[in-house]
C-alpha cells in the first residue's frame, strides 16, 4: 500500500471532513473547525428532514423491527458524526501515524495497482448505488428521495472510513511482514555463522526492536482513531443484515429485483467489514510470528556469555510487550472469531424477530376469526328472531 494512494484517499476524506489534510499543520485551524461543523450540520439537517418522512412508515412496522430500524439509522449517523470529530480532535495522532509508517519503510509491490484499487472500488460503489436507486424508486416512487436522499452522503462516508481503515491495516501488515522477513534473514545468518564457528552480534537486532515498537505505537493510534468506528460499523452491518434477511424470510413474495438489491447490499457491506477484520487478524498473527522467530533465535545463544543472553532476553521481552492487538473501542478484540460472533448474533436476533412476527400474525388471525364468529352469531340470532 503506497503513500501515493493514501494521499489520494486523504484528499477525498478531507472533502468529506473525515480526515485532516495530508500536508497541513498539526494544530486545528478556524477554517477546519467551521468546515467540519458545517458538514455535521448538513448531515444532521438532512437526516432530520428525512426522519419526518420516515416516521409514517416506521410507525407501521412491528415493534421489534421498528427498534432495529431506528438502531440501524442511529449507528450510521453516530459513525458519521464521530468520524468528523475524530478528524478534527485527533489531528496529532493522524500525523503521528503517518510519520511512523514513513519511518518503518517497506518494499512496495505495485504502487499503480494499489492506486487503481481505490478508483475501482469507487466505481463499484457508484454502480451499486445507481442500481439501488433504480430498484427502490421503481417500487416506492419519488418518496424514496424524501426519505433517504441524505443516505447517499452517509453511505459514502461509511465507505471512505472503511477504506481508510483498510489502507492503514494493509500498510501495517506489509511493515510487520517486512520486519518478520528481516528477522528471518538474521536467523538464517546465525545458522550459517554457527556452522562456521563464528560469532553473531546482537546489535543488528536493535533496528528490528525499534521498528516493532514504532509499529505497536501505530497500532495503538489506529485503535484510538478507528476503535469506535469499527464498533459502529460492526453494529451497522449486523443490523443491516438482520433487517434485510428478515424481509426475505418473513415476506417470501418479494420481487426478484428487490431480492437482488438486498443481496448486493449485504455482500458489499459484509465484504468491507470482513476484509478489515481479517486484516486485523493477519497483523496480529504476523506479530506472533515475529515473536516465535525470536524464540527460535534464543537457542543459538544458550551457551553465550551472560551479556549476549541478557540482550536477547530484553529483545524478546520487548517483542512480547509490543504485540499488536486491535479492539473495537476496547469492548472486544478484533480477530477471526469476530466474524462468527457477528453471524451468531444476527441469526439469534433473526429468530427472535421471526418469532415476534409469527406471534403478531397469529394474534391477528385469531382476532379475525373472533370477529367472524361474532358476526355469524349475530346473523343467527337475527334469523331466530
Foldseek 3Di string as FASTA:
>chain_A
DDVVLVQVLQVVCVQLLLAEHPDDDLAADPVSVVNLVVSLVVLVVLQVQLVVLCVVVLVPDPPLLSVLVVLLVVLLSVLSNLSNVLNRPVSVLVVLLVVLLVVLDFDDDDPVVVNVVVVVVVVVVVVLVVLVCVVCCVVPNPSCCSNCVSVVSSVVSLVSLLVSLVVSLVSLLRSLVVLLVVLVVVLVVLVVCVVVVHDDDPPVCVVSLVSLQSSLSSLVSCQVSCQQVLVSLLSNLLSLLLSLVLCCVVPVPDDPSVVVSSVVVNVVSCCSNVSSLASQQSSLVSLVSSLVSLVVSLVSCPVPDPVRNVVSVVSSVSSVVRRRWHHNNPPDTRHPVVVVVSVVVSVVVSVVVVVSVVVVVVVVVVVVVVVVVVVVVVVVVVVVD
